[in-house]
Amino acid sequence: MAVGFGVLRLSPEAFWTMTPRELSSALSPPRQVGAAAPSPAELFGLMRRFPDADRQGS
């Protein structure tokens, strides 16, 4: 619980609804060390395809 709340800074709801596999994945190092960040065009394309559901006025 200390790792979930303190290190990962999860809300209680997010912590208690995580599966063991999700928690393990969150605690594991990234698989693609040194992977390149998306280009601005790729990032904006992803933002258009997958908008945040809670954003208003965008």
C-alpha atoms as a PDB file:
ATOM      1  CA  MET A   1       0.000   0.000   0.000  1.00  0.00           C
ATOM      2  CA  ALA A   2       2.872   2.367   0.786  1.00  0.00           C
ATOM      3  CA  VAL A   3       4.207   1.962  -2.747  1.00  0.00           C
ATOM      4  CA  GLY A   4       0.780   2.399  -4.326  1.00  0.00           C
ATOM      5  CA  PHE A   5      -0.071   5.524  -2.384  1.00  0.00           C
ATOM      6  CA  GLY A   6       3.388   6.987  -1.750  1.00  0.00           C
ATOM      7  CA  VAL A   7       5.455   6.120  -4.813  1.00  0.00           C
ATOM      8  CA  LEU A   8       2.839   5.678  -7.534  1.00  0.00           C
ATOM      9  CA  ARG A   9       0.573   8.324  -5.948  1.00  0.00           C
ATOM     10  CA  LEU A  10      -2.561   6.356  -6.758  1.00  0.00           C
ATOM     11  CA  SER A  11      -5.920   7.312  -5.367  1.00  0.00           C
ATOM     12  CA  PRO A  12      -7.412   4.738  -2.984  1.00  0.00           C
ATOM     13  CA  GLU A  13     -10.003   3.842  -5.628  1.00  0.00           C
ATOM     14  CA  ALA A  14      -7.352   3.323  -8.321  1.00  0.00           C
ATOM     15  CA  PHE A  15      -5.185   1.266  -5.973  1.00  0.00           C
ATOM     16  CA  TRP A  16      -7.947  -1.044  -4.782  1.00  0.00           C
ATOM     17  CA  THR A  17      -9.318  -1.642  -8.289  1.00  0.00           C
ATOM     18  CA  MET A  18      -5.905  -2.556  -9.765  1.00  0.00           C
ATOM     19  CA  THR A  19      -5.280  -6.160 -10.643  1.00  0.00           C
ATOM     20  CA  PRO A  20      -2.052  -7.787  -9.437  1.00  0.00           C
ATOM     21  CA  ARG A  21      -0.850  -7.773 -13.054  1.00  0.00           C
ATOM     22  CA  GLU A  22      -1.473  -4.010 -13.372  1.00  0.00           C
ATOM     23  CA  LEU A  23       0.377  -3.312 -10.121  1.00  0.00           C
ATOM     24  CA  SER A  24       3.286  -5.477 -11.220  1.00  0.00           C
ATOM     25  CA  SER A  25       3.441  -3.664 -14.543  1.00  0.00           C
ATOM     26  CA  ALA A  26       3.378  -0.264 -12.832  1.00  0.00           C
ATOM     27  CA  LEU A  27       6.296  -1.304 -10.620  1.00  0.00           C
ATOM     28  CA  SER A  28       8.372  -2.849 -13.418  1.00  0.00           C
ATOM     29  CA  PRO A  29      10.981  -0.838 -15.300  1.00  0.00           C
ATOM     30  CA  PRO A  30       9.990   0.226 -18.810  1.00  0.00           C
ATOM     31  CA  ARG A  31      10.489  -2.502 -21.390  1.00  0.00           C
ATOM     32  CA  GLN A  32      11.772  -0.186 -24.097  1.00  0.00           C
ATOM     33  CA  VAL A  33      14.586   1.666 -22.380  1.00  0.00           C
ATOM     34  CA  GLY A  34      15.634   4.555 -24.552  1.00  0.00           C
ATOM     35  CA  ALA A  35      12.545   4.447 -26.742  1.00  0.00           C
ATOM     36  CA  ALA A  36      12.035   7.650 -28.685  1.00  0.00           C
ATOM     37  CA  ALA A  37       9.233   9.979 -27.704  1.00  0.00           C
ATOM     38  CA  PRO A  38       6.524  10.531 -30.321  1.00  0.00           C
ATOM     39  CA  SER A  39       7.017  13.453 -32.658  1.00  0.00           C
ATOM     40  CA  PRO A  40       4.722  16.460 -32.196  1.00  0.00           C
ATOM     41  CA  ALA A  41       2.697  15.386 -35.230  1.00  0.00           C
ATOM     42  CA  GLU A  42       2.286  11.860 -33.824  1.00  0.00           C
ATOM     43  CA  LEU A  43       1.343  13.226 -30.417  1.00  0.00           C
ATOM     44  CA  PHE A  44      -1.305  15.589 -31.817  1.00  0.00           C
ATOM     45  CA  GLY A  45      -2.651  12.774 -33.997  1.00  0.00           C
ATOM     46  CA  LEU A  46      -3.030  10.568 -30.910  1.00  0.00           C
ATOM     47  CA  MET A  47      -4.671  13.417 -29.011  1.00  0.00           C
ATOM     48  CA  ARG A  48      -7.239  13.833 -31.795  1.00  0.00           C
ATOM     49  CA  ARG A  49      -7.911  10.083 -31.983  1.00  0.00           C
ATOM     50  CA  PHE A  50      -8.134   9.579 -28.212  1.00  0.00           C
ATOM     51  CA  PRO A  51      -9.393  12.800 -26.579  1.00  0.00           C
ATOM     52  CA  ASP A  52      -9.666  13.027 -22.824  1.00  0.00           C
ATOM     53  CA  ALA A  53     -13.263  12.308 -21.860  1.00  0.00           C
ATOM     54  CA  ASP A  54     -13.252  14.864 -19.049  1.00  0.00           C
ATOM     55  CA  ARG A  55     -11.959  17.832 -21.070  1.00  0.00           C
ATOM     56  CA  GLN A  56     -14.553  20.518 -21.643  1.00  0.00           C
ATOM     57  CA  GLY A  57     -14.606  23.180 -24.325  1.00  0.00           C
ATOM     58  CA  SER A  58     -11.958  21.610 -26.559  1.00  0.00           C
END
